[in-house]
Amino acid sequence: MDDNRAPAVRLEPWSEGDAELLRALNAPELTTHLGGPESEEALARRHRRYVDLSADRTGAGRMFRIVLLPTGAADEATEAAAATAGSIGFWAREWAGEQVYETGWAVLPAFQRRGVATAAARAVAERARAEGRRRHLHAFPSVDHPASNAVCRAAGFELLGPQDFEYPPGHPIRCNDWRLDLERY
């Protein structure tokens, strides 16, 4: 999808009220490439990590709710039609001996195939760049996940190649290592 037709999204910091979104994103069809749905206990821990990360001001990263904005004039009626479409974030990690940010996203089925994930990936890259603490942003979609690999390509990431990865811990996967240079973004 070209930039002229890209959907307008807004990233809103993850908050206490986003637990239901996390539950909706825990569906089997959305977690196939991530080891399957998590237990309620694991979801509660993940939600707490997301809330804490979004409140952190040390550059450790941030989690967001993706809000799809309606097309047209920005007035109260249009703003009321905005819809929560998924989640995205970035977080600090070490990769290949470098301090980097990693990103990941999930988009609810009703909003897939509309460019929402690509628009959100571009927006989160801008947020990570604005932190000014890491040069690179990496994404690690499964090699068997064409949609997420297409998002990386469309958002301007460079494919570095396949890697063995573990996500969640104890669940080995083969993923593609995509990298975005935040100094050139």
C-alpha atoms as a PDB file:
ATOM      1  CA  MET A   1       0.000   0.000   0.000  1.00  0.00           C
ATOM      2  CA  ASP A   2       1.485   3.377  -0.942  1.00  0.00           C
ATOM      3  CA  ASP A   3       1.777   6.183   1.604  1.00  0.00           C
ATOM      4  CA  ASN A   4      -1.050   8.164  -0.025  1.00  0.00           C
ATOM      5  CA  ARG A   5      -3.501   5.371   0.719  1.00  0.00           C
ATOM      6  CA  ALA A   6      -2.080   4.281   4.066  1.00  0.00           C
ATOM      7  CA  PRO A   7      -4.617   4.318   6.876  1.00  0.00           C
ATOM      8  CA  ALA A   8      -4.241   6.942   9.569  1.00  0.00           C
ATOM      9  CA  VAL A   9      -3.352   5.442  12.921  1.00  0.00           C
ATOM     10  CA  ARG A  10      -2.638   6.893  16.318  1.00  0.00           C
ATOM     11  CA  LEU A  11      -0.519   5.138  18.923  1.00  0.00           C
ATOM     12  CA  GLU A  12      -1.872   5.508  22.451  1.00  0.00           C
ATOM     13  CA  PRO A  13       0.207   4.396  25.454  1.00  0.00           C
ATOM     14  CA  TRP A  14      -0.847   1.055  26.881  1.00  0.00           C
ATOM     15  CA  SER A  15      -2.951   1.529  30.004  1.00  0.00           C
ATOM     16  CA  GLU A  16      -4.762  -0.428  32.697  1.00  0.00           C
ATOM     17  CA  GLY A  17      -7.882  -0.383  30.518  1.00  0.00           C
ATOM     18  CA  ASP A  18      -6.215  -2.387  27.727  1.00  0.00           C
ATOM     19  CA  ALA A  19      -6.446  -5.812  29.386  1.00  0.00           C
ATOM     20  CA  GLU A  20      -9.474  -6.755  27.249  1.00  0.00           C
ATOM     21  CA  LEU A  21      -7.579  -5.867  24.071  1.00  0.00           C
ATOM     22  CA  LEU A  22      -4.779  -8.175  25.175  1.00  0.00           C
ATOM     23  CA  ARG A  23      -7.325 -10.959  25.718  1.00  0.00           C
ATOM     24  CA  ALA A  24      -8.757 -10.385  22.223  1.00  0.00           C
ATOM     25  CA  LEU A  25      -5.244 -10.531  20.741  1.00  0.00           C
ATOM     26  CA  ASN A  26      -4.651 -13.863  22.533  1.00  0.00           C
ATOM     27  CA  ALA A  27      -6.854 -15.735  20.034  1.00  0.00           C
ATOM     28  CA  PRO A  28      -5.463 -18.927  18.476  1.00  0.00           C
ATOM     29  CA  GLU A  29      -5.490 -17.464  14.941  1.00  0.00           C
ATOM     30  CA  LEU A  30      -3.393 -14.498  16.142  1.00  0.00           C
ATOM     31  CA  THR A  31      -0.868 -16.522  18.142  1.00  0.00           C
ATOM     32  CA  THR A  32      -0.149 -19.363  15.710  1.00  0.00           C
ATOM     33  CA  HIS A  33       3.388 -18.098  15.063  1.00  0.00           C
ATOM     34  CA  LEU A  34       3.979 -17.259  18.738  1.00  0.00           C
ATOM     35  CA  GLY A  35       3.469 -20.597  20.435  1.00  0.00           C
ATOM     36  CA  GLY A  36      -0.304 -20.342  20.817  1.00  0.00           C
ATOM     37  CA  PRO A  37      -2.575 -18.566  23.306  1.00  0.00           C
ATOM     38  CA  GLU A  38      -1.283 -17.758  26.781  1.00  0.00           C
ATOM     39  CA  SER A  39      -2.963 -18.647  30.062  1.00  0.00           C
ATOM     40  CA  GLU A  40      -4.894 -16.019  32.032  1.00  0.00           C
ATOM     41  CA  GLU A  41      -1.994 -15.831  34.492  1.00  0.00           C
ATOM     42  CA  ALA A  42       0.517 -15.233  31.686  1.00  0.00           C
ATOM     43  CA  LEU A  43      -1.783 -12.587  30.160  1.00  0.00           C
ATOM     44  CA  ALA A  44      -2.037 -10.797  33.508  1.00  0.00           C
ATOM     45  CA  ARG A  45       1.784 -10.740  33.759  1.00  0.00           C
ATOM     46  CA  ARG A  46       2.119  -9.522  30.161  1.00  0.00           C
ATOM     47  CA  HIS A  47      -0.474  -6.778  30.757  1.00  0.00           C
ATOM     48  CA  ARG A  48       1.426  -5.609  33.853  1.00  0.00           C
ATOM     49  CA  ARG A  49       4.707  -5.546  31.851  1.00  0.00           C
ATOM     50  CA  TYR A  50       3.017  -3.494  29.119  1.00  0.00           C
ATOM     51  CA  VAL A  51       1.559  -0.994  31.597  1.00  0.00           C
ATOM     52  CA  ASP A  52       4.895  -0.685  33.394  1.00  0.00           C
ATOM     53  CA  LEU A  53       6.841  -0.310  30.140  1.00  0.00           C
ATOM     54  CA  SER A  54       4.514   2.440  28.968  1.00  0.00           C
ATOM     55  CA  ALA A  55       5.047   4.325  32.233  1.00  0.00           C
ATOM     56  CA  ASP A  56       8.838   3.908  32.072  1.00  0.00           C
ATOM     57  CA  ARG A  57      10.822   7.007  31.130  1.00  0.00           C
ATOM     58  CA  THR A  58      14.305   5.458  31.018  1.00  0.00           C
ATOM     59  CA  GLY A  59      14.232   4.587  27.300  1.00  0.00           C
ATOM     60  CA  ALA A  60      13.441   0.930  27.952  1.00  0.00           C
ATOM     61  CA  GLY A  61      10.669   1.139  25.344  1.00  0.00           C
ATOM     62  CA  ARG A  62       6.945   1.614  25.159  1.00  0.00           C
ATOM     63  CA  MET A  63       3.790  -0.369  24.366  1.00  0.00           C
ATOM     64  CA  PHE A  64       0.826   1.100  22.524  1.00  0.00           C
ATOM     65  CA  ARG A  65      -2.752   0.464  21.549  1.00  0.00           C
ATOM     66  CA  ILE A  66      -3.169   1.003  17.784  1.00  0.00           C
ATOM     67  CA  VAL A  67      -6.133   3.261  17.056  1.00  0.00           C
ATOM     68  CA  LEU A  68      -7.393   3.365  13.473  1.00  0.00           C
ATOM     69  CA  LEU A  69      -8.664   6.807  12.616  1.00  0.00           C
ATOM     70  CA  PRO A  70     -11.525   7.202  10.172  1.00  0.00           C
ATOM     71  CA  THR A  71     -10.847   8.957   6.902  1.00  0.00           C
ATOM     72  CA  GLY A  72     -12.260  12.425   6.453  1.00  0.00           C
ATOM     73  CA  ALA A  73     -12.389  15.598   8.468  1.00  0.00           C
ATOM     74  CA  ALA A  74     -11.067  15.521  12.029  1.00  0.00           C
ATOM     75  CA  ASP A  75     -14.133  16.497  13.991  1.00  0.00           C
ATOM     76  CA  GLU A  76     -15.834  15.058  17.070  1.00  0.00           C
ATOM     77  CA  ALA A  77     -18.051  12.697  15.063  1.00  0.00           C
ATOM     78  CA  THR A  78     -15.080  11.257  13.171  1.00  0.00           C
ATOM     79  CA  GLU A  79     -12.999  10.969  16.330  1.00  0.00           C
ATOM     80  CA  ALA A  80     -15.826   9.012  17.942  1.00  0.00           C
ATOM     81  CA  ALA A  81     -15.604   6.535  15.034  1.00  0.00           C
ATOM     82  CA  ALA A  82     -11.931   5.754  15.803  1.00  0.00           C
ATOM     83  CA  ALA A  83     -11.436   2.061  16.497  1.00  0.00           C
ATOM     84  CA  THR A  84      -8.917   0.077  18.511  1.00  0.00           C
ATOM     85  CA  ALA A  85      -7.208  -2.155  15.956  1.00  0.00           C
ATOM     86  CA  GLY A  86      -4.403  -3.873  17.867  1.00  0.00           C
ATOM     87  CA  SER A  87      -1.138  -3.381  19.715  1.00  0.00           C
ATOM     88  CA  ILE A  88       2.460  -2.521  18.916  1.00  0.00           C
ATOM     89  CA  GLY A  89       5.521  -1.598  20.890  1.00  0.00           C
ATOM     90  CA  PHE A  90       9.276  -1.448  21.114  1.00  0.00           C
ATOM     91  CA  TRP A  91      11.586  -2.534  23.897  1.00  0.00           C
ATOM     92  CA  ALA A  92      15.302  -2.562  24.615  1.00  0.00           C
ATOM     93  CA  ARG A  93      17.313  -5.746  24.173  1.00  0.00           C
ATOM     94  CA  GLU A  94      20.754  -6.939  23.228  1.00  0.00           C
ATOM     95  CA  TRP A  95      21.057  -8.575  19.840  1.00  0.00           C
ATOM     96  CA  ALA A  96      24.273  -9.749  18.154  1.00  0.00           C
ATOM     97  CA  GLY A  97      26.332  -7.807  20.693  1.00  0.00           C
ATOM     98  CA  GLU A  98      24.485  -4.521  20.100  1.00  0.00           C
ATOM     99  CA  GLN A  99      21.974  -2.629  22.242  1.00  0.00           C
ATOM    100  CA  VAL A 100      18.887  -2.381  20.000  1.00  0.00           C
ATOM    101  CA  TYR A 101      15.148  -2.001  20.164  1.00  0.00           C
ATOM    102  CA  GLU A 102      12.883  -4.859  19.180  1.00  0.00           C
ATOM    103  CA  THR A 103       9.349  -4.362  17.903  1.00  0.00           C
ATOM    104  CA  GLY A 104       6.305  -6.567  17.605  1.00  0.00           C
ATOM    105  CA  TRP A 105       2.637  -6.085  16.794  1.00  0.00           C
ATOM    106  CA  ALA A 106      -0.722  -7.765  16.579  1.00  0.00           C
ATOM    107  CA  VAL A 107      -3.760  -6.551  14.646  1.00  0.00           C
ATOM    108  CA  LEU A 108      -7.297  -7.774  15.262  1.00  0.00           C
ATOM    109  CA  PRO A 109      -8.740  -9.810  12.341  1.00  0.00           C
ATOM    110  CA  ALA A 110     -11.334  -7.154  11.418  1.00  0.00           C
ATOM    111  CA  PHE A 111      -8.501  -4.688  10.691  1.00  0.00           C
ATOM    112  CA  GLN A 112      -6.058  -6.959   8.880  1.00  0.00           C
ATOM    113  CA  ARG A 113      -5.098  -6.562   5.198  1.00  0.00           C
ATOM    114  CA  ARG A 114      -5.776  -2.815   5.329  1.00  0.00           C
ATOM    115  CA  GLY A 115      -2.260  -1.483   5.963  1.00  0.00           C
ATOM    116  CA  VAL A 116      -2.871  -0.897   9.679  1.00  0.00           C
ATOM    117  CA  ALA A 117       0.168  -2.899  10.844  1.00  0.00           C
ATOM    118  CA  THR A 118       2.441  -1.156   8.331  1.00  0.00           C
ATOM    119  CA  ALA A 119       1.217   2.296   9.356  1.00  0.00           C
ATOM    120  CA  ALA A 120       1.660   1.358  13.023  1.00  0.00           C
ATOM    121  CA  ALA A 121       5.168  -0.044  12.370  1.00  0.00           C
ATOM    122  CA  ARG A 122       6.171   3.239  10.742  1.00  0.00           C
ATOM    123  CA  ALA A 123       4.709   5.190  13.655  1.00  0.00           C
ATOM    124  CA  VAL A 124       6.445   3.036  16.279  1.00  0.00           C
ATOM    125  CA  ALA A 125       9.743   3.381  14.402  1.00  0.00           C
ATOM    126  CA  GLU A 126       9.360   7.150  14.674  1.00  0.00           C
ATOM    127  CA  ARG A 127       8.713   6.830  18.416  1.00  0.00           C
ATOM    128  CA  ALA A 128      11.787   4.599  18.842  1.00  0.00           C
ATOM    129  CA  ARG A 129      13.879   7.016  16.773  1.00  0.00           C
ATOM    130  CA  ALA A 130      12.716   9.924  18.934  1.00  0.00           C
ATOM    131  CA  GLU A 131      14.066   8.145  22.034  1.00  0.00           C
ATOM    132  CA  GLY A 132      17.547   8.631  20.557  1.00  0.00           C
ATOM    133  CA  ARG A 133      18.981   5.741  22.591  1.00  0.00           C
ATOM    134  CA  ARG A 134      19.389   2.932  20.047  1.00  0.00           C
ATOM    135  CA  ARG A 135      20.489   2.974  16.431  1.00  0.00           C
ATOM    136  CA  HIS A 136      18.544  -0.058  15.218  1.00  0.00           C
ATOM    137  CA  LEU A 137      15.009  -1.388  15.518  1.00  0.00           C
ATOM    138  CA  HIS A 138      14.620  -5.127  14.825  1.00  0.00           C
ATOM    139  CA  ALA A 139      11.577  -7.267  14.115  1.00  0.00           C
ATOM    140  CA  PHE A 140      11.643 -11.063  14.222  1.00  0.00           C
ATOM    141  CA  PRO A 141       8.597 -12.536  12.453  1.00  0.00           C
ATOM    142  CA  SER A 142       8.475 -16.250  11.804  1.00  0.00           C
ATOM    143  CA  VAL A 143       9.776 -17.193   8.356  1.00  0.00           C
ATOM    144  CA  ASP A 144       6.361 -18.865   7.910  1.00  0.00           C
ATOM    145  CA  HIS A 145       4.403 -15.663   8.572  1.00  0.00           C
ATOM    146  CA  PRO A 146       4.102 -13.901   5.194  1.00  0.00           C
ATOM    147  CA  ALA A 147       1.902 -11.061   6.490  1.00  0.00           C
ATOM    148  CA  SER A 148       4.328  -9.912   9.192  1.00  0.00           C
ATOM    149  CA  ASN A 149       7.283 -10.235   6.831  1.00  0.00           C
ATOM    150  CA  ALA A 150       5.383  -8.088   4.316  1.00  0.00           C
ATOM    151  CA  VAL A 151       4.798  -5.461   7.026  1.00  0.00           C
ATOM    152  CA  CYS A 152       8.546  -5.294   7.688  1.00  0.00           C
ATOM    153  CA  ARG A 153       9.301  -4.896   3.993  1.00  0.00           C
ATOM    154  CA  ALA A 154       6.625  -2.226   3.472  1.00  0.00           C
ATOM    155  CA  ALA A 155       7.700  -0.294   6.591  1.00  0.00           C
ATOM    156  CA  GLY A 156      11.261  -0.003   5.270  1.00  0.00           C
ATOM    157  CA  PHE A 157      13.084  -2.653   7.290  1.00  0.00           C
ATOM    158  CA  GLU A 158      16.089  -4.422   5.736  1.00  0.00           C
ATOM    159  CA  LEU A 159      16.045  -8.229   5.714  1.00  0.00           C
ATOM    160  CA  LEU A 160      19.230  -9.539   7.334  1.00  0.00           C
ATOM    161  CA  GLY A 161      18.269 -13.195   7.021  1.00  0.00           C
ATOM    162  CA  PRO A 162      16.823 -16.115   8.947  1.00  0.00           C
ATOM    163  CA  GLN A 163      17.749 -16.754  12.590  1.00  0.00           C
ATOM    164  CA  ASP A 164      16.926 -19.317  15.223  1.00  0.00           C
ATOM    165  CA  PHE A 165      14.892 -17.629  17.915  1.00  0.00           C
ATOM    166  CA  GLU A 166      12.990 -18.630  21.006  1.00  0.00           C
ATOM    167  CA  TYR A 167       9.569 -17.152  21.607  1.00  0.00           C
ATOM    168  CA  PRO A 168       8.023 -17.564  23.997  1.00  0.00           C
ATOM    169  CA  PRO A 169      10.921 -18.934  26.064  1.00  0.00           C
ATOM    170  CA  GLY A 170      11.177 -22.663  25.476  1.00  0.00           C
ATOM    171  CA  HIS A 171       9.463 -22.448  22.059  1.00  0.00           C
ATOM    172  CA  PRO A 172      12.087 -22.478  19.259  1.00  0.00           C
ATOM    173  CA  ILE A 173      11.120 -20.811  15.985  1.00  0.00           C
ATOM    174  CA  ARG A 174      12.865 -19.902  12.771  1.00  0.00           C
ATOM    175  CA  CYS A 175      12.406 -16.192  12.165  1.00  0.00           C
ATOM    176  CA  ASN A 176      13.602 -13.503   9.834  1.00  0.00           C
ATOM    177  CA  ASP A 177      15.769 -10.760  11.299  1.00  0.00           C
ATOM    178  CA  TRP A 178      14.559  -7.436   9.894  1.00  0.00           C
ATOM    179  CA  ARG A 179      16.429  -4.254  10.846  1.00  0.00           C
ATOM    180  CA  LEU A 180      15.595  -0.584  10.504  1.00  0.00           C
ATOM    181  CA  ASP A 181      18.347   2.013  10.894  1.00  0.00           C
ATOM    182  CA  LEU A 182      16.747   4.672  13.110  1.00  0.00           C
ATOM    183  CA  GLU A 183      19.438   7.218  12.254  1.00  0.00           C
ATOM    184  CA  ARG A 184      18.353   7.110   8.618  1.00  0.00           C
ATOM    185  CA  TYR A 185      14.637   6.766   9.201  1.00  0.00           C
END
